[in-house]
C-alpha atoms as a PDB file:
ATOM      1  CA  MET A   1     -30.344 -65.489  23.077  1.00  0.00           C
ATOM      2  CA  GLY A   2     -28.008 -62.746  25.251  1.00  0.00           C
ATOM      3  CA  ASN A   3     -28.181 -59.541  26.615  1.00  0.00           C
ATOM      4  CA  ILE A   4     -28.287 -56.127  24.611  1.00  0.00           C
ATOM      5  CA  ARG A   5     -26.135 -53.329  26.061  1.00  0.00           C
ATOM      6  CA  PRO A   6     -25.984 -49.936  24.660  1.00  0.00           C
ATOM      7  CA  THR A   7     -22.884 -48.853  23.022  1.00  0.00           C
ATOM      8  CA  PHE A   8     -21.589 -46.440  25.598  1.00  0.00           C
ATOM      9  CA  ILE A   9     -21.805 -49.147  28.269  1.00  0.00           C
ATOM     10  CA  LYS A  10     -19.235 -51.232  25.782  1.00  0.00           C
ATOM     11  CA  ARG A  11     -17.351 -48.338  25.360  1.00  0.00           C
ATOM     12  CA  SER A  12     -16.652 -47.425  28.587  1.00  0.00           C
ATOM     13  CA  ALA A  13     -16.100 -50.252  29.812  1.00  0.00           C
ATOM     14  CA  ILE A  14     -13.789 -51.288  27.499  1.00  0.00           C
ATOM     15  CA  GLU A  15     -11.973 -48.052  27.787  1.00  0.00           C
ATOM     16  CA  LEU A  16     -11.486 -48.977  31.456  1.00  0.00           C
ATOM     17  CA  LEU A  17      -9.648 -51.538  30.660  1.00  0.00           C
ATOM     18  CA  LYS A  18      -7.439 -50.583  28.339  1.00  0.00           C
ATOM     19  CA  ARG A  19      -6.502 -48.269  30.538  1.00  0.00           C
ATOM     20  CA  TYR A  20      -6.368 -50.115  33.654  1.00  0.00           C
ATOM     21  CA  PRO A  21      -6.118 -53.829  33.064  1.00  0.00           C
ATOM     22  CA  GLU A  22      -4.715 -55.119  36.412  1.00  0.00           C
ATOM     23  CA  GLN A  23      -7.493 -53.485  38.408  1.00  0.00           C
ATOM     24  CA  PHE A  24     -10.283 -55.752  36.802  1.00  0.00           C
ATOM     25  CA  SER A  25     -11.291 -59.536  37.317  1.00  0.00           C
ATOM     26  CA  GLU A  26     -13.844 -62.078  36.952  1.00  0.00           C
ATOM     27  CA  ASP A  27     -15.364 -60.834  40.283  1.00  0.00           C
ATOM     28  CA  PHE A  28     -18.615 -58.571  39.541  1.00  0.00           C
ATOM     29  CA  GLN A  29     -18.133 -57.119  43.128  1.00  0.00           C
ATOM     30  CA  HIS A  30     -15.203 -56.381  42.765  1.00  0.00           C
ATOM     31  CA  ASN A  31     -15.003 -55.167  39.133  1.00  0.00           C
ATOM     32  CA  LYS A  32     -17.707 -52.457  41.090  1.00  0.00           C
ATOM     33  CA  GLU A  33     -15.696 -51.293  43.548  1.00  0.00           C
ATOM     34  CA  SER A  34     -12.991 -50.614  40.992  1.00  0.00           C
ATOM     35  CA  ALA A  35     -15.283 -48.838  38.801  1.00  0.00           C
ATOM     36  CA  GLU A  36     -16.432 -46.732  41.177  1.00  0.00           C
ATOM     37  CA  LYS A  37     -13.054 -45.367  42.221  1.00  0.00           C
ATOM     38  CA  LEU A  38     -11.597 -45.161  38.758  1.00  0.00           C
ATOM     39  CA  ALA A  39     -14.329 -43.276  36.716  1.00  0.00           C
ATOM     40  CA  ASP A  40     -17.247 -40.951  37.960  1.00  0.00           C
ATOM     41  CA  PHE A  41     -20.596 -42.820  36.697  1.00  0.00           C
ATOM     42  CA  HIS A  42     -24.067 -40.429  37.546  1.00  0.00           C
ATOM     43  CA  SER A  43     -26.026 -43.103  38.723  1.00  0.00           C
ATOM     44  CA  HIS A  44     -25.592 -46.742  39.960  1.00  0.00           C
ATOM     45  CA  LYS A  45     -27.219 -48.480  37.106  1.00  0.00           C
ATOM     46  CA  VAL A  46     -24.685 -47.140  34.839  1.00  0.00           C
ATOM     47  CA  ARG A  47     -21.868 -48.581  36.820  1.00  0.00           C
ATOM     48  CA  ASN A  48     -23.177 -51.845  37.683  1.00  0.00           C
ATOM     49  CA  ARG A  49     -24.201 -52.356  34.123  1.00  0.00           C
ATOM     50  CA  VAL A  50     -20.036 -51.180  32.996  1.00  0.00           C
ATOM     51  CA  ALA A  51     -19.136 -53.530  35.637  1.00  0.00           C
ATOM     52  CA  GLY A  52     -21.223 -56.417  34.577  1.00  0.00           C
ATOM     53  CA  TYR A  53     -19.875 -56.174  30.990  1.00  0.00           C
ATOM     54  CA  ILE A  54     -16.539 -56.053  32.233  1.00  0.00           C
ATOM     55  CA  THR A  55     -16.974 -59.169  34.131  1.00  0.00           C
ATOM     56  CA  ARG A  56     -18.570 -61.124  31.478  1.00  0.00           C
ATOM     57  CA  TYR A  57     -15.807 -59.514  28.879  1.00  0.00           C
ATOM     58  CA  ARG A  58     -13.072 -61.215  31.237  1.00  0.00           C
ATOM     59  CA  LYS A  59     -14.566 -64.141  31.419  1.00  0.00           C
ATOM     60  CA  VAL A  60     -14.692 -64.517  27.481  1.00  0.00           C
ATOM     61  CA  LEU A  61     -11.295 -63.488  27.388  1.00  0.00           C
ATOM     62  CA  ALA A  62     -10.368 -66.338  30.169  1.00  0.00           C
ATOM     63  CA  ARG A  63     -11.700 -68.819  27.868  1.00  0.00           C
ATOM     64  CA  LYS A  64     -10.133 -67.774  24.660  1.00  0.00           C
ATOM     65  CA  ILE A  65      -6.771 -68.283  25.912  1.00  0.00           C
END
């Protein structure tokens, strides 16, 4: 079973990926720093969850290609 993430986390992550696709990779630490620069999150927990979802999303896309 996988993690269930709230819709606002997924929406935020996918929107960031659409706007800045070259800024994100499959590395969580890099994605966390990029998300901090590109968006204003109200807490570190939300930032980390968005960065984690971006990381997983990029890994899944890489496997499909």
